[in-house]
Amino acid sequence: MGTFLALVGPTASGKTEAGLRVAEALGAEILSIDSMVVYRGMDVGTAKPTEAQRARVPHHLLDLVDPSEPFSVAAFQAAARTAADDVRRRGRRPILVGGSGLYFRAVVDDLEFPGTEPRTRGALEEEAALLGAERMHGRLSEMDPVAASRIEPGNVRRTVRALEVAAITGRPFSSYAAAWESYREDRVRAAGIRVEPGRLGARVEARVHSMLREGWLAEVDRLVDRGFGAWLTSTQAIGYAELARHQAGELSLEDAVRQIVKRTRTLARRQMAWFRRDPRIRWFEVGDEGAVAAADDIVAYLERA
């Protein structure tokens, strides 16, 4: 696996336009590392790069599946590494651009994501319902004390997951955690965008209103018409659930927007918490204009990779 370039940061920080300028300057192609742009038909509300932007720089990892199709971080990891190999074979450089810390690390580090086995999971969930959370946690403590020490005794979901992984792989669940403590310095040269929280909050609100002007409500209607209404209302894709409820008459547009802005600000804080833990990221502080103002400095930093 070769070395990656990367431009990361929170939502609404201006990464898309900055990423285009950086990629153009470095002769790179963009691998998007935002977890919701993989879904077809979810364009406006995910700030997916437009056709014009994709014409400027080739983009990868967009529109991989329909919204209701299962898609895991393991599937993303495989798709991203395949795309990166293809980019390199053509003599270009892959640059990761986006805000998902999990997807970022899945690509550049030695993380493993064990699968699931519905029959085993179902049996364990039935046992948990009969025996209770503490007894299931006690079983995990006997099998994998390291994993048990990291899971609250009352957390049935995580306890069951740890037991399931051990059952289907023959390996302790905790053995998969070791790679999370190791950051591969040789795999990536990363620039990060940091925006003061007050400024970022204002950018978030402005972007939500801009998306509505660009047709976000119509996009939600099209997805509902395609049969994805139930999925939208349970999805983690911020804004789609709120706007679907608004279109169904369950929520005023004003309340929907207020909830979307609040959830997006919370997402931005979580994204920064992820990225701040990564010692490989060189941070670039930007103001109201966002990441594009730092594009030249980012190019200068990344081209030394």
Protein backbone atom coordinates (compact mmCIF):
# COMPACT_ATOMS: atom_id res chain seq x y z
CA MET A 1 0.00 0.00 0.00
CA GLY A 2 1.42 3.39 -1.00
CA THR A 3 1.38 6.69 0.81
CA PHE A 4 -1.81 8.75 0.84
CA LEU A 5 -2.28 12.48 0.89
CA ALA A 6 -5.22 13.71 2.94
CA LEU A 7 -7.26 16.82 3.66
CA VAL A 8 -9.61 16.35 6.62
CA GLY A 9 -11.74 18.44 8.91
CA PRO A 10 -15.28 19.06 10.12
CA THR A 11 -18.37 19.48 8.01
CA ALA A 12 -18.96 22.95 6.51
CA SER A 13 -15.29 23.89 6.82
CA GLY A 14 -14.88 24.32 3.05
CA LYS A 15 -12.97 21.10 2.37
CA THR A 16 -14.65 20.42 -0.98
CA GLU A 17 -13.42 23.52 -2.83
CA ALA A 18 -10.07 23.47 -1.06
CA GLY A 19 -9.67 19.79 -1.94
CA LEU A 20 -10.28 20.59 -5.60
CA ARG A 21 -7.60 23.26 -5.64
CA VAL A 22 -5.11 21.10 -3.79
CA ALA A 23 -5.76 18.08 -6.03
CA GLU A 24 -5.38 20.19 -9.17
CA ALA A 25 -2.07 21.58 -7.95
CA LEU A 26 -0.70 18.15 -7.01
CA GLY A 27 -2.01 16.16 -9.97
CA ALA A 28 -4.09 14.05 -7.61
CA GLU A 29 -7.49 12.36 -7.74
CA ILE A 30 -9.93 12.64 -4.84
CA LEU A 31 -11.11 9.72 -2.73
CA SER A 32 -14.07 10.99 -0.72
CA ILE A 33 -14.10 9.91 2.92
CA ASP A 34 -17.56 11.09 3.93
CA SER A 35 -19.81 8.26 5.01
CA MET A 36 -23.02 9.45 3.33
CA VAL A 37 -21.78 10.36 -0.15
CA VAL A 38 -21.64 6.64 -0.96
CA TYR A 39 -25.45 6.69 -1.34
CA ARG A 40 -26.99 7.33 -4.74
CA GLY A 41 -29.59 10.09 -4.92
CA MET A 42 -28.41 11.78 -1.73
CA ASP A 43 -26.61 14.69 -3.33
CA VAL A 44 -27.76 18.08 -2.05
CA GLY A 45 -28.09 17.12 1.60
CA THR A 46 -24.67 15.44 1.74
CA ALA A 47 -22.91 18.31 -0.09
CA LYS A 48 -21.76 15.74 -2.64
CA PRO A 49 -19.36 17.18 -5.24
CA THR A 50 -21.25 18.43 -8.28
CA GLU A 51 -20.80 17.23 -11.85
CA ALA A 52 -18.83 20.41 -12.58
CA GLN A 53 -16.51 19.76 -9.65
CA ARG A 54 -16.03 16.14 -10.69
CA ALA A 55 -15.14 17.35 -14.18
CA ARG A 56 -12.31 19.42 -12.69
CA VAL A 57 -10.84 16.51 -10.69
CA PRO A 58 -11.79 12.81 -10.85
CA HIS A 59 -13.62 11.70 -7.69
CA HIS A 60 -13.97 8.18 -6.32
CA LEU A 61 -16.17 6.45 -3.72
CA LEU A 62 -19.33 8.37 -4.61
CA ASP A 63 -22.71 6.78 -5.43
CA LEU A 64 -21.69 3.23 -4.56
CA VAL A 65 -25.04 1.90 -3.29
CA ASP A 66 -28.73 2.76 -3.00
CA PRO A 67 -29.76 4.31 0.33
CA SER A 68 -31.44 1.21 1.70
CA GLU A 69 -28.60 -1.16 0.83
CA PRO A 70 -26.35 -2.28 3.69
CA PHE A 71 -22.92 -0.69 3.55
CA SER A 72 -20.20 -1.15 6.14
CA VAL A 73 -16.89 0.43 6.96
CA ALA A 74 -15.26 -2.84 5.89
CA ALA A 75 -16.88 -2.50 2.45
CA PHE A 76 -15.67 1.08 2.27
CA GLN A 77 -12.15 0.06 3.24
CA ALA A 78 -11.99 -2.47 0.41
CA ALA A 79 -13.47 -0.07 -2.14
CA ALA A 80 -11.12 2.74 -1.13
CA ARG A 81 -7.99 0.64 -1.33
CA THR A 82 -9.02 -0.71 -4.74
CA ALA A 83 -9.68 2.82 -5.99
CA ALA A 84 -6.34 4.05 -4.66
CA ASP A 85 -4.47 1.23 -6.40
CA ASP A 86 -6.23 2.14 -9.67
CA VAL A 87 -5.29 5.80 -9.30
CA ARG A 88 -1.64 4.92 -8.69
CA ARG A 89 -1.52 2.55 -11.66
CA ARG A 90 -2.43 5.50 -13.85
CA GLY A 91 0.45 7.52 -12.49
CA ARG A 92 -1.69 9.79 -10.31
CA ARG A 93 -1.79 10.33 -6.56
CA PRO A 94 -4.81 9.59 -4.36
CA ILE A 95 -5.83 12.30 -1.90
CA LEU A 96 -8.39 11.52 0.79
CA VAL A 97 -10.81 14.41 1.33
CA GLY A 98 -13.60 14.39 3.89
CA GLY A 99 -14.78 14.41 7.45
CA SER A 100 -15.14 10.80 8.59
CA GLY A 101 -12.34 9.95 11.00
CA LEU A 102 -13.39 6.30 10.98
CA TYR A 103 -13.23 6.05 7.19
CA PHE A 104 -9.91 7.90 7.17
CA ARG A 105 -8.32 5.45 9.58
CA ALA A 106 -9.92 2.47 7.84
CA VAL A 107 -8.01 3.38 4.68
CA VAL A 108 -4.60 4.36 6.04
CA ASP A 109 -4.19 2.12 9.09
CA ASP A 110 -4.16 -1.63 9.72
CA LEU A 111 -7.68 -1.81 11.08
CA GLU A 112 -9.71 -4.98 10.79
CA PHE A 113 -13.49 -5.05 10.84
CA PRO A 114 -14.87 -8.51 11.63
CA GLY A 115 -18.15 -9.30 9.93
CA THR A 116 -21.42 -10.37 11.44
CA GLU A 117 -23.36 -13.64 11.42
CA PRO A 118 -27.11 -13.09 11.90
CA ARG A 119 -27.83 -16.54 13.30
CA THR A 120 -25.11 -16.25 15.95
CA ARG A 121 -26.10 -12.69 16.77
CA GLY A 122 -29.76 -13.68 17.10
CA ALA A 123 -28.97 -16.56 19.44
CA LEU A 124 -26.85 -14.32 21.66
CA GLU A 125 -29.54 -11.66 21.76
CA GLU A 126 -32.08 -14.29 22.83
CA GLU A 127 -29.74 -15.41 25.59
CA ALA A 128 -29.25 -11.83 26.72
CA ALA A 129 -33.01 -11.34 26.93
CA LEU A 130 -33.30 -14.44 29.14
CA LEU A 131 -30.16 -14.11 31.28
CA GLY A 132 -29.76 -10.35 31.54
CA ALA A 133 -26.92 -7.97 30.75
CA GLU A 134 -24.74 -8.70 33.77
CA ARG A 135 -24.59 -12.46 33.28
CA MET A 136 -23.71 -12.00 29.60
CA HIS A 137 -21.00 -9.53 30.60
CA GLY A 138 -19.74 -12.07 33.13
CA ARG A 139 -19.40 -14.64 30.37
CA LEU A 140 -17.40 -12.14 28.33
CA SER A 141 -15.17 -11.45 31.35
CA GLU A 142 -14.23 -15.12 31.48
CA MET A 143 -13.51 -15.31 27.74
CA ASP A 144 -11.99 -11.90 27.09
CA PRO A 145 -11.28 -9.87 30.24
CA VAL A 146 -9.65 -7.06 28.26
CA ALA A 147 -12.76 -6.50 26.15
CA ALA A 148 -15.01 -6.81 29.18
CA SER A 149 -13.02 -4.14 31.03
CA ARG A 150 -13.79 -1.70 28.21
CA ILE A 151 -17.54 -2.40 28.06
CA GLU A 152 -20.03 -1.25 30.66
CA PRO A 153 -21.77 -4.28 32.26
CA GLY A 154 -25.16 -2.87 31.28
CA ASN A 155 -24.29 -2.38 27.62
CA VAL A 156 -25.98 -5.43 26.11
CA ARG A 157 -25.38 -4.43 22.49
CA ARG A 158 -21.61 -4.14 22.82
CA THR A 159 -21.36 -7.25 25.00
CA VAL A 160 -23.28 -9.28 22.43
CA ARG A 161 -21.10 -7.93 19.64
CA ALA A 162 -17.93 -8.95 21.49
CA LEU A 163 -19.26 -12.44 22.09
CA GLU A 164 -20.42 -12.72 18.47
CA VAL A 165 -16.99 -11.78 17.07
CA ALA A 166 -15.29 -14.33 19.29
CA ALA A 167 -17.75 -17.01 18.22
CA ILE A 168 -17.47 -16.46 14.46
CA THR A 169 -13.74 -15.67 14.22
CA GLY A 170 -12.19 -17.71 17.01
CA ARG A 171 -10.32 -14.58 18.13
CA PRO A 172 -10.93 -12.45 21.22
CA PHE A 173 -12.77 -9.23 20.40
CA SER A 174 -10.00 -7.27 22.13
CA SER A 175 -7.42 -8.54 19.62
CA TYR A 176 -8.97 -6.31 16.98
CA ALA A 177 -8.48 -3.23 19.15
CA ALA A 178 -4.67 -3.22 19.19
CA ALA A 179 -4.42 -1.63 15.74
CA TRP A 180 -6.48 1.35 16.94
CA GLU A 181 -3.59 2.37 19.19
CA SER A 182 -1.10 2.42 16.31
CA TYR A 183 -0.91 5.24 13.76
CA ARG A 184 0.99 4.37 10.58
CA GLU A 185 3.27 7.37 10.02
CA ASP A 186 4.48 5.92 6.71
CA ARG A 187 1.02 5.68 5.16
CA VAL A 188 -0.26 9.25 5.04
CA ARG A 189 0.64 12.93 5.02
CA ALA A 190 -2.43 14.74 6.28
CA ALA A 191 -3.54 18.34 6.50
CA GLY A 192 -6.42 19.27 8.78
CA ILE A 193 -8.75 22.27 8.70
CA ARG A 194 -9.60 23.90 11.99
CA VAL A 195 -12.29 26.59 12.28
CA GLU A 196 -13.12 28.42 15.51
CA PRO A 197 -16.41 26.91 16.79
CA GLY A 198 -18.42 30.13 16.57
CA ARG A 199 -17.37 30.70 12.98
CA LEU A 200 -18.01 27.08 12.09
CA GLY A 201 -21.49 27.24 13.62
CA ALA A 202 -22.33 30.23 11.43
CA ARG A 203 -21.02 28.39 8.36
CA VAL A 204 -23.15 25.35 9.26
CA GLU A 205 -26.33 27.42 9.47
CA ALA A 206 -25.58 29.24 6.21
CA ARG A 207 -24.94 25.95 4.44
CA VAL A 208 -28.21 24.40 5.60
CA HIS A 209 -30.15 27.33 4.16
CA SER A 210 -28.12 27.16 0.96
CA MET A 211 -28.94 23.45 0.58
CA LEU A 212 -32.63 24.20 0.95
CA ARG A 213 -32.38 26.80 -1.82
CA GLU A 214 -30.58 24.24 -3.99
CA GLY A 215 -33.47 21.78 -3.81
CA TRP A 216 -32.95 19.62 -0.73
CA LEU A 217 -36.70 19.27 -0.12
CA ALA A 218 -37.26 18.08 -3.69
CA GLU A 219 -34.44 15.57 -3.25
CA VAL A 220 -36.12 14.16 -0.14
CA ASP A 221 -39.39 13.86 -2.07
CA ARG A 222 -37.66 11.92 -4.85
CA LEU A 223 -36.12 9.51 -2.35
CA VAL A 224 -39.49 8.96 -0.66
CA ASP A 225 -41.09 8.33 -4.07
CA ARG A 226 -38.40 5.72 -4.76
CA GLY A 227 -39.44 3.85 -1.63
CA PHE A 228 -36.72 4.98 0.77
CA GLY A 229 -39.02 6.85 3.15
CA ALA A 230 -38.73 4.39 6.04
CA TRP A 231 -34.96 4.28 5.63
CA LEU A 232 -34.72 8.08 5.60
CA THR A 233 -36.57 8.48 8.85
CA SER A 234 -34.17 6.10 10.61
CA THR A 235 -30.96 7.17 8.89
CA GLN A 236 -27.99 8.88 10.47
CA ALA A 237 -27.72 11.19 7.45
CA ILE A 238 -28.39 14.51 9.08
CA GLY A 239 -31.33 16.45 7.74
CA TYR A 240 -33.05 13.75 5.71
CA ALA A 241 -35.09 12.42 8.62
CA GLU A 242 -36.10 15.92 9.70
CA LEU A 243 -37.10 17.00 6.19
CA ALA A 244 -38.99 13.75 5.57
CA ARG A 245 -40.96 14.42 8.74
CA HIS A 246 -41.60 17.98 7.59
CA GLN A 247 -42.85 16.79 4.20
CA ALA A 248 -45.15 14.36 6.01
CA GLY A 249 -46.63 17.23 8.02
CA GLU A 250 -45.08 16.13 11.31
CA LEU A 251 -42.61 19.00 11.74
CA SER A 252 -42.57 22.64 10.70
CA LEU A 253 -39.80 23.71 8.36
CA GLU A 254 -38.50 26.11 11.00
CA ASP A 255 -38.23 23.31 13.58
CA ALA A 256 -36.68 20.97 11.03
CA VAL A 257 -33.99 23.52 10.18
CA ARG A 258 -33.31 24.18 13.85
CA GLN A 259 -32.82 20.46 14.49
CA ILE A 260 -30.63 20.03 11.41
CA VAL A 261 -28.34 22.88 12.43
CA LYS A 262 -28.07 21.54 15.98
CA ARG A 263 -27.26 18.00 14.81
CA THR A 264 -24.73 19.27 12.29
CA ARG A 265 -22.89 21.31 14.90
CA THR A 266 -22.79 18.23 17.14
CA LEU A 267 -21.41 16.21 14.22
CA ALA A 268 -18.68 18.80 13.65
CA ARG A 269 -17.62 18.54 17.30
CA ARG A 270 -17.47 14.74 17.06
CA GLN A 271 -15.44 14.91 13.87
CA MET A 272 -12.90 17.21 15.47
CA ALA A 273 -12.68 14.95 18.53
CA TRP A 274 -11.79 12.05 16.20
CA PHE A 275 -9.18 13.96 14.26
CA ARG A 276 -7.55 15.68 17.25
CA ARG A 277 -6.46 12.26 18.52
CA ASP A 278 -4.44 11.64 15.35
CA PRO A 279 -0.83 12.87 15.75
CA ARG A 280 -0.16 12.75 12.01
CA ILE A 281 -2.42 15.67 11.11
CA ARG A 282 -0.86 19.11 10.56
CA TRP A 283 -3.51 21.69 11.39
CA PHE A 284 -4.32 24.82 9.40
CA GLU A 285 -6.41 27.44 11.17
CA VAL A 286 -8.87 29.29 8.92
CA GLY A 287 -11.41 32.07 9.39
CA ASP A 288 -14.82 32.92 7.96
CA GLU A 289 -13.70 32.14 4.41
CA GLY A 290 -13.03 28.50 5.29
CA ALA A 291 -10.48 26.01 4.05
CA VAL A 292 -10.04 27.50 0.60
CA ALA A 293 -8.01 30.34 2.13
CA ALA A 294 -5.37 27.83 3.24
CA ALA A 295 -5.21 25.90 -0.04
CA ASP A 296 -1.80 27.22 -1.10
CA ASP A 297 -0.25 26.48 2.29
CA ILE A 298 -1.78 23.00 2.26
CA VAL A 299 -0.33 22.33 -1.20
CA ALA A 300 3.10 23.41 0.01
CA TYR A 301 2.84 21.04 2.97
CA LEU A 302 1.48 18.03 1.09
CA GLU A 303 3.77 18.22 -1.91
CA ARG A 304 6.72 17.39 0.36
CA ALA A 305 5.30 13.89 0.87
